[in-house]
Amino acid sequence: MKRKQLIRIHIAATIIAALTIANFFTFSLIAEIIGDADFIKQVKTVILYCLPILIIAMPMLALSGKRLAGKSKNPIVVQKQNRMKLVAVNGVFLISLAIYLYYHANFKNIDTTFFTVQGIELLLGAINLSLMGLNIRAGMRLAGKIS
């Protein structure tokens, strides 16, 4: 695959993954602020149904990033790779939490346990968004788009 195509795939996967996580985070936060049980259930259901988007986009992002990085020892590239490892670990937890929160919201009560787990999910989501934002900025530096 040509480098230019790989860059396009990497950028597309980045945009899809970042927007998906941002939407999950935003709608979860809005649902918690509003506090309406039906809206919370709807948000958790939509997140569950949209998880495959993220489950496809994140590996595409990671694989294209690894391929673009090659054997580079550039400190910016190494930092991006290290951050992506954290994003991946967080991602596994976030997927598990999303499934748990869907189940809890739809088949149990929205109670203190739900809100505690939701808080953890929001924290991990914020961390992933921050790490991905840093990687986006680093990628733009590597591409010469910003200094």
N, C-alpha and C. Protein backbone atom coordinates (compact mmCIF):
# COMPACT_ATOMS: atom_id res chain seq x y z
N MET A 1 0.85 -1.18 0.00
CA MET A 1 0.00 0.00 0.00
C MET A 1 0.89 1.24 0.00
N LYS A 2 0.53 2.19 -0.81
CA LYS A 2 1.31 3.42 -0.90
C LYS A 2 1.16 4.24 0.38
N ARG A 3 2.22 4.96 0.71
CA ARG A 3 2.25 5.77 1.94
C ARG A 3 1.10 6.77 1.97
N LYS A 4 0.81 7.39 0.84
CA LYS A 4 -0.25 8.39 0.79
C LYS A 4 -1.62 7.77 1.15
N GLN A 5 -1.87 6.57 0.65
CA GLN A 5 -3.11 5.86 0.98
C GLN A 5 -3.15 5.51 2.47
N LEU A 6 -2.02 5.07 2.98
CA LEU A 6 -1.92 4.71 4.38
C LEU A 6 -2.19 5.93 5.27
N ILE A 7 -1.67 7.06 4.89
CA ILE A 7 -1.91 8.30 5.63
C ILE A 7 -3.40 8.64 5.61
N ARG A 8 -4.04 8.49 4.48
CA ARG A 8 -5.49 8.77 4.39
C ARG A 8 -6.29 7.83 5.29
N ILE A 9 -5.92 6.56 5.28
CA ILE A 9 -6.59 5.58 6.14
C ILE A 9 -6.38 5.96 7.61
N HIS A 10 -5.16 6.32 7.96
CA HIS A 10 -4.83 6.70 9.33
C HIS A 10 -5.63 7.93 9.76
N ILE A 11 -5.70 8.91 8.91
CA ILE A 11 -6.46 10.13 9.23
C ILE A 11 -7.94 9.82 9.36
N ALA A 12 -8.48 9.04 8.44
CA ALA A 12 -9.91 8.69 8.50
C ALA A 12 -10.22 7.90 9.77
N ALA A 13 -9.39 6.92 10.10
CA ALA A 13 -9.60 6.13 11.31
C ALA A 13 -9.50 7.00 12.55
N THR A 14 -8.57 7.94 12.54
CA THR A 14 -8.42 8.87 13.67
C THR A 14 -9.67 9.71 13.85
N ILE A 15 -10.15 10.26 12.77
CA ILE A 15 -11.35 11.11 12.84
C ILE A 15 -12.55 10.30 13.32
N ILE A 16 -12.74 9.13 12.74
CA ILE A 16 -13.89 8.29 13.13
C ILE A 16 -13.79 7.90 14.61
N ALA A 17 -12.62 7.45 15.04
CA ALA A 17 -12.45 7.02 16.43
C ALA A 17 -12.63 8.20 17.40
N ALA A 18 -11.99 9.32 17.10
CA ALA A 18 -12.07 10.47 18.00
C ALA A 18 -13.50 11.01 18.08
N LEU A 19 -14.18 11.11 16.96
CA LEU A 19 -15.56 11.60 16.98
C LEU A 19 -16.50 10.62 17.68
N THR A 20 -16.27 9.33 17.50
CA THR A 20 -17.10 8.33 18.16
C THR A 20 -16.93 8.41 19.67
N ILE A 21 -15.69 8.46 20.13
CA ILE A 21 -15.43 8.57 21.57
C ILE A 21 -15.98 9.88 22.11
N ALA A 22 -15.79 10.96 21.38
CA ALA A 22 -16.31 12.26 21.83
C ALA A 22 -17.83 12.25 21.93
N ASN A 23 -18.49 11.62 20.98
CA ASN A 23 -19.95 11.52 21.04
C ASN A 23 -20.40 10.64 22.20
N PHE A 24 -19.74 9.51 22.40
CA PHE A 24 -20.08 8.66 23.54
C PHE A 24 -19.96 9.45 24.84
N PHE A 25 -18.84 10.16 24.97
CA PHE A 25 -18.57 10.94 26.17
C PHE A 25 -19.61 12.04 26.36
N THR A 26 -19.86 12.80 25.31
CA THR A 26 -20.78 13.93 25.39
C THR A 26 -22.20 13.48 25.73
N PHE A 27 -22.69 12.48 25.03
CA PHE A 27 -24.06 12.03 25.29
C PHE A 27 -24.19 11.38 26.67
N SER A 28 -23.16 10.67 27.12
CA SER A 28 -23.20 10.10 28.47
C SER A 28 -23.25 11.21 29.51
N LEU A 29 -22.44 12.23 29.31
CA LEU A 29 -22.42 13.36 30.24
C LEU A 29 -23.75 14.09 30.25
N ILE A 30 -24.30 14.34 29.08
CA ILE A 30 -25.61 15.01 28.99
C ILE A 30 -26.68 14.17 29.68
N ALA A 31 -26.66 12.87 29.44
CA ALA A 31 -27.66 11.99 30.06
C ALA A 31 -27.55 12.03 31.58
N GLU A 32 -26.32 12.07 32.08
CA GLU A 32 -26.14 12.12 33.54
C GLU A 32 -26.62 13.45 34.10
N ILE A 33 -26.36 14.53 33.39
CA ILE A 33 -26.79 15.85 33.85
C ILE A 33 -28.31 15.94 33.85
N ILE A 34 -28.93 15.47 32.79
CA ILE A 34 -30.39 15.51 32.70
C ILE A 34 -31.00 14.58 33.74
N GLY A 35 -30.41 13.39 33.87
CA GLY A 35 -30.85 12.45 34.89
C GLY A 35 -32.12 11.68 34.58
N ASP A 36 -32.63 11.79 33.38
CA ASP A 36 -33.84 11.07 32.99
C ASP A 36 -33.48 9.61 32.67
N ALA A 37 -34.10 8.67 33.39
CA ALA A 37 -33.77 7.25 33.23
C ALA A 37 -33.99 6.75 31.80
N ASP A 38 -35.06 7.18 31.16
CA ASP A 38 -35.31 6.74 29.78
C ASP A 38 -34.24 7.25 28.83
N PHE A 39 -33.82 8.49 29.02
CA PHE A 39 -32.77 9.05 28.16
C PHE A 39 -31.45 8.33 28.40
N ILE A 40 -31.15 8.05 29.66
CA ILE A 40 -29.92 7.31 29.99
C ILE A 40 -29.94 5.95 29.30
N LYS A 41 -31.08 5.25 29.37
CA LYS A 41 -31.21 3.94 28.71
C LYS A 41 -31.00 4.07 27.20
N GLN A 42 -31.58 5.10 26.59
CA GLN A 42 -31.42 5.30 25.15
C GLN A 42 -29.96 5.54 24.79
N VAL A 43 -29.30 6.39 25.56
CA VAL A 43 -27.88 6.69 25.29
C VAL A 43 -27.04 5.42 25.42
N LYS A 44 -27.25 4.66 26.47
CA LYS A 44 -26.47 3.44 26.67
C LYS A 44 -26.75 2.41 25.57
N THR A 45 -27.97 2.37 25.09
CA THR A 45 -28.31 1.46 24.00
C THR A 45 -27.64 1.89 22.70
N VAL A 46 -27.69 3.17 22.39
CA VAL A 46 -27.04 3.67 21.16
C VAL A 46 -25.53 3.43 21.23
N ILE A 47 -24.94 3.69 22.39
CA ILE A 47 -23.50 3.45 22.54
C ILE A 47 -23.18 1.97 22.29
N LEU A 48 -23.97 1.08 22.87
CA LEU A 48 -23.73 -0.35 22.66
C LEU A 48 -23.80 -0.71 21.18
N TYR A 49 -24.81 -0.19 20.48
CA TYR A 49 -24.98 -0.51 19.06
C TYR A 49 -23.90 0.13 18.18
N CYS A 50 -23.30 1.22 18.67
CA CYS A 50 -22.26 1.90 17.89
C CYS A 50 -20.84 1.43 18.24
N LEU A 51 -20.72 0.57 19.24
CA LEU A 51 -19.39 0.06 19.61
C LEU A 51 -18.64 -0.57 18.44
N PRO A 52 -19.31 -1.30 17.54
CA PRO A 52 -18.55 -1.88 16.41
C PRO A 52 -17.80 -0.83 15.58
N ILE A 53 -18.32 0.37 15.49
CA ILE A 53 -17.61 1.43 14.77
C ILE A 53 -16.25 1.64 15.40
N LEU A 54 -16.24 1.75 16.71
CA LEU A 54 -15.00 1.97 17.44
C LEU A 54 -14.10 0.74 17.40
N ILE A 55 -14.71 -0.43 17.48
CA ILE A 55 -13.95 -1.68 17.48
C ILE A 55 -13.25 -1.90 16.13
N ILE A 56 -13.78 -1.30 15.08
CA ILE A 56 -13.14 -1.36 13.76
C ILE A 56 -12.14 -0.22 13.59
N ALA A 57 -12.54 0.99 13.98
CA ALA A 57 -11.70 2.17 13.76
C ALA A 57 -10.39 2.14 14.56
N MET A 58 -10.46 1.71 15.82
CA MET A 58 -9.25 1.76 16.65
C MET A 58 -8.14 0.83 16.15
N PRO A 59 -8.41 -0.41 15.81
CA PRO A 59 -7.33 -1.23 15.27
C PRO A 59 -6.80 -0.69 13.93
N MET A 60 -7.70 -0.15 13.10
CA MET A 60 -7.24 0.46 11.85
C MET A 60 -6.29 1.62 12.14
N LEU A 61 -6.64 2.41 13.12
CA LEU A 61 -5.82 3.54 13.53
C LEU A 61 -4.46 3.05 14.04
N ALA A 62 -4.48 2.05 14.91
CA ALA A 62 -3.24 1.54 15.47
C ALA A 62 -2.36 0.87 14.41
N LEU A 63 -2.96 0.05 13.58
CA LEU A 63 -2.18 -0.66 12.56
C LEU A 63 -1.59 0.29 11.52
N SER A 64 -2.40 1.25 11.08
CA SER A 64 -1.87 2.21 10.10
C SER A 64 -0.79 3.07 10.74
N GLY A 65 -0.96 3.42 12.01
CA GLY A 65 0.05 4.21 12.71
C GLY A 65 1.36 3.45 12.85
N LYS A 66 1.26 2.16 13.19
CA LYS A 66 2.48 1.34 13.31
C LYS A 66 3.19 1.23 11.97
N ARG A 67 2.40 1.05 10.94
CA ARG A 67 2.99 0.90 9.60
C ARG A 67 3.65 2.20 9.15
N LEU A 68 2.99 3.32 9.45
CA LEU A 68 3.58 4.62 9.10
C LEU A 68 4.85 4.88 9.90
N ALA A 69 4.86 4.48 11.15
CA ALA A 69 6.01 4.71 12.02
C ALA A 69 7.21 3.86 11.61
N GLY A 70 6.92 2.67 11.14
CA GLY A 70 8.02 1.78 10.76
C GLY A 70 8.95 1.56 11.94
N LYS A 71 10.24 1.76 11.70
CA LYS A 71 11.25 1.58 12.76
C LYS A 71 11.76 2.93 13.26
N SER A 72 10.96 3.95 13.07
CA SER A 72 11.37 5.29 13.45
C SER A 72 11.69 5.39 14.94
N LYS A 73 12.73 6.11 15.23
CA LYS A 73 13.11 6.40 16.62
C LYS A 73 12.83 7.86 16.95
N ASN A 74 12.14 8.55 16.06
CA ASN A 74 11.77 9.94 16.29
C ASN A 74 11.01 10.02 17.62
N PRO A 75 11.41 10.93 18.52
CA PRO A 75 10.75 11.02 19.83
C PRO A 75 9.23 11.27 19.73
N ILE A 76 8.82 12.00 18.74
CA ILE A 76 7.39 12.27 18.58
C ILE A 76 6.66 10.98 18.22
N VAL A 77 7.24 10.19 17.35
CA VAL A 77 6.64 8.92 16.94
C VAL A 77 6.60 7.96 18.13
N VAL A 78 7.68 7.90 18.89
CA VAL A 78 7.74 7.02 20.05
C VAL A 78 6.68 7.42 21.08
N GLN A 79 6.52 8.71 21.31
CA GLN A 79 5.48 9.19 22.23
C GLN A 79 4.09 8.81 21.75
N LYS A 80 3.85 8.98 20.44
CA LYS A 80 2.54 8.59 19.89
C LYS A 80 2.28 7.11 20.13
N GLN A 81 3.26 6.29 19.88
CA GLN A 81 3.09 4.84 20.07
C GLN A 81 2.83 4.50 21.53
N ASN A 82 3.54 5.15 22.43
CA ASN A 82 3.32 4.90 23.86
C ASN A 82 1.93 5.34 24.30
N ARG A 83 1.49 6.48 23.80
CA ARG A 83 0.14 6.94 24.15
C ARG A 83 -0.91 5.99 23.60
N MET A 84 -0.69 5.46 22.39
CA MET A 84 -1.67 4.54 21.80
C MET A 84 -1.78 3.25 22.61
N LYS A 85 -0.71 2.83 23.25
CA LYS A 85 -0.78 1.65 24.12
C LYS A 85 -1.74 1.93 25.28
N LEU A 86 -1.64 3.12 25.86
CA LEU A 86 -2.55 3.50 26.95
C LEU A 86 -3.99 3.61 26.46
N VAL A 87 -4.15 4.18 25.26
CA VAL A 87 -5.49 4.30 24.67
C VAL A 87 -6.09 2.90 24.48
N ALA A 88 -5.29 1.96 24.03
CA ALA A 88 -5.78 0.60 23.80
C ALA A 88 -6.21 -0.07 25.11
N VAL A 89 -5.39 0.06 26.14
CA VAL A 89 -5.74 -0.53 27.44
C VAL A 89 -7.02 0.11 27.97
N ASN A 90 -7.07 1.45 27.94
CA ASN A 90 -8.29 2.15 28.37
C ASN A 90 -9.48 1.70 27.53
N GLY A 91 -9.25 1.50 26.25
CA GLY A 91 -10.32 1.12 25.34
C GLY A 91 -10.96 -0.21 25.73
N VAL A 92 -10.14 -1.16 26.15
CA VAL A 92 -10.67 -2.45 26.59
C VAL A 92 -11.58 -2.24 27.80
N PHE A 93 -11.13 -1.43 28.75
CA PHE A 93 -11.95 -1.14 29.92
C PHE A 93 -13.22 -0.40 29.52
N LEU A 94 -13.08 0.56 28.62
CA LEU A 94 -14.25 1.35 28.20
C LEU A 94 -15.30 0.50 27.50
N ILE A 95 -14.87 -0.43 26.68
CA ILE A 95 -15.83 -1.32 26.01
C ILE A 95 -16.56 -2.17 27.06
N SER A 96 -15.79 -2.70 28.00
CA SER A 96 -16.40 -3.50 29.07
C SER A 96 -17.38 -2.67 29.89
N LEU A 97 -17.00 -1.45 30.22
CA LEU A 97 -17.87 -0.56 30.99
C LEU A 97 -19.12 -0.20 30.20
N ALA A 98 -18.98 0.02 28.90
CA ALA A 98 -20.14 0.37 28.07
C ALA A 98 -21.16 -0.78 28.07
N ILE A 99 -20.67 -1.99 27.95
CA ILE A 99 -21.56 -3.15 27.97
C ILE A 99 -22.22 -3.28 29.34
N TYR A 100 -21.43 -3.14 30.39
CA TYR A 100 -21.98 -3.21 31.75
C TYR A 100 -23.03 -2.13 31.97
N LEU A 101 -22.75 -0.89 31.57
CA LEU A 101 -23.68 0.21 31.79
C LEU A 101 -24.97 0.03 30.98
N TYR A 102 -24.85 -0.49 29.77
CA TYR A 102 -26.05 -0.80 28.99
C TYR A 102 -26.91 -1.80 29.75
N TYR A 103 -26.28 -2.89 30.17
CA TYR A 103 -27.01 -3.94 30.89
C TYR A 103 -27.63 -3.38 32.17
N HIS A 104 -26.84 -2.66 32.94
CA HIS A 104 -27.32 -2.13 34.22
C HIS A 104 -28.48 -1.15 34.01
N ALA A 105 -28.36 -0.28 33.02
CA ALA A 105 -29.41 0.72 32.77
C ALA A 105 -30.70 0.07 32.29
N ASN A 106 -30.59 -0.97 31.49
CA ASN A 106 -31.77 -1.57 30.88
C ASN A 106 -32.39 -2.72 31.67
N PHE A 107 -31.61 -3.40 32.49
CA PHE A 107 -32.14 -4.57 33.17
C PHE A 107 -32.03 -4.51 34.69
N LYS A 108 -31.44 -3.46 35.20
CA LYS A 108 -31.36 -3.25 36.64
C LYS A 108 -31.77 -1.81 36.90
N ASN A 109 -31.52 -1.35 38.10
CA ASN A 109 -31.84 0.04 38.44
C ASN A 109 -30.68 0.96 38.12
N ILE A 110 -31.02 2.19 37.78
CA ILE A 110 -29.99 3.22 37.65
C ILE A 110 -29.79 3.75 39.06
N ASP A 111 -28.75 3.22 39.69
CA ASP A 111 -28.52 3.47 41.11
C ASP A 111 -27.11 3.99 41.35
N THR A 112 -26.69 3.97 42.59
CA THR A 112 -25.37 4.46 42.96
C THR A 112 -24.27 3.69 42.24
N THR A 113 -24.42 2.39 42.12
CA THR A 113 -23.43 1.58 41.41
C THR A 113 -23.32 2.03 39.96
N PHE A 114 -24.46 2.23 39.32
CA PHE A 114 -24.47 2.69 37.93
C PHE A 114 -23.72 4.01 37.81
N PHE A 115 -24.04 4.97 38.68
CA PHE A 115 -23.41 6.29 38.59
C PHE A 115 -21.92 6.25 38.92
N THR A 116 -21.53 5.36 39.81
CA THR A 116 -20.10 5.20 40.12
C THR A 116 -19.35 4.67 38.89
N VAL A 117 -19.91 3.62 38.29
CA VAL A 117 -19.29 3.04 37.09
C VAL A 117 -19.31 4.08 35.95
N GLN A 118 -20.40 4.83 35.85
CA GLN A 118 -20.49 5.87 34.82
C GLN A 118 -19.39 6.92 35.03
N GLY A 119 -19.14 7.27 36.28
CA GLY A 119 -18.06 8.23 36.58
C GLY A 119 -16.71 7.71 36.14
N ILE A 120 -16.47 6.44 36.39
CA ILE A 120 -15.21 5.81 35.95
C ILE A 120 -15.12 5.83 34.43
N GLU A 121 -16.22 5.51 33.77
CA GLU A 121 -16.24 5.52 32.29
C GLU A 121 -15.96 6.92 31.76
N LEU A 122 -16.56 7.92 32.35
CA LEU A 122 -16.32 9.30 31.91
C LEU A 122 -14.87 9.71 32.12
N LEU A 123 -14.29 9.31 33.24
CA LEU A 123 -12.89 9.62 33.51
C LEU A 123 -11.98 8.97 32.48
N LEU A 124 -12.18 7.67 32.23
CA LEU A 124 -11.36 6.96 31.24
C LEU A 124 -11.58 7.51 29.84
N GLY A 125 -12.83 7.88 29.54
CA GLY A 125 -13.12 8.48 28.23
C GLY A 125 -12.40 9.82 28.06
N ALA A 126 -12.39 10.63 29.11
CA ALA A 126 -11.69 11.92 29.06
C ALA A 126 -10.18 11.71 28.87
N ILE A 127 -9.65 10.70 29.55
CA ILE A 127 -8.22 10.38 29.38
C ILE A 127 -7.94 9.97 27.94
N ASN A 128 -8.77 9.10 27.39
CA ASN A 128 -8.55 8.66 26.00
C ASN A 128 -8.68 9.81 25.01
N LEU A 129 -9.67 10.67 25.22
CA LEU A 129 -9.81 11.82 24.33
C LEU A 129 -8.57 12.72 24.41
N SER A 130 -8.06 12.92 25.61
CA SER A 130 -6.86 13.75 25.79
C SER A 130 -5.66 13.13 25.10
N LEU A 131 -5.47 11.82 25.31
CA LEU A 131 -4.34 11.13 24.68
C LEU A 131 -4.45 11.17 23.16
N MET A 132 -5.65 10.96 22.66
CA MET A 132 -5.84 10.99 21.21
C MET A 132 -5.63 12.41 20.68
N GLY A 133 -6.05 13.40 21.42
CA GLY A 133 -5.82 14.79 21.02
C GLY A 133 -4.33 15.09 20.94
N LEU A 134 -3.57 14.61 21.92
CA LEU A 134 -2.12 14.80 21.88
C LEU A 134 -1.51 14.09 20.68
N ASN A 135 -2.02 12.91 20.36
CA ASN A 135 -1.51 12.18 19.19
C ASN A 135 -1.89 12.88 17.88
N ILE A 136 -3.06 13.46 17.83
CA ILE A 136 -3.45 14.21 16.63
C ILE A 136 -2.52 15.40 16.44
N ARG A 137 -2.27 16.12 17.53
CA ARG A 137 -1.36 17.26 17.45
C ARG A 137 0.05 16.80 17.04
N ALA A 138 0.51 15.68 17.61
CA ALA A 138 1.83 15.16 17.25
C ALA A 138 1.88 14.75 15.78
N GLY A 139 0.81 14.14 15.29
CA GLY A 139 0.74 13.76 13.88
C GLY A 139 0.78 14.97 12.97
N MET A 140 0.11 16.03 13.38
CA MET A 140 0.15 17.26 12.58
C MET A 140 1.55 17.88 12.59
N ARG A 141 2.25 17.74 13.71
CA ARG A 141 3.65 18.20 13.78
C ARG A 141 4.52 17.40 12.83
N LEU A 142 4.34 16.09 12.86
CA LEU A 142 5.12 15.22 11.98
C LEU A 142 4.86 15.54 10.52
N ALA A 143 3.61 15.90 10.21
CA ALA A 143 3.24 16.21 8.82
C ALA A 143 3.65 17.63 8.43
N GLY A 144 4.14 18.40 9.40
CA GLY A 144 4.54 19.77 9.11
C GLY A 144 3.38 20.75 9.03
N LYS A 145 2.23 20.35 9.52
CA LYS A 145 1.03 21.22 9.47
C LYS A 145 1.06 22.26 10.58
N ILE A 146 1.71 21.93 11.71
CA ILE A 146 1.89 22.88 12.81
C ILE A 146 3.32 22.75 13.31
N SER A 147 3.75 23.74 14.07
CA SER A 147 5.13 23.67 14.58
C SER A 147 5.16 23.39 16.06
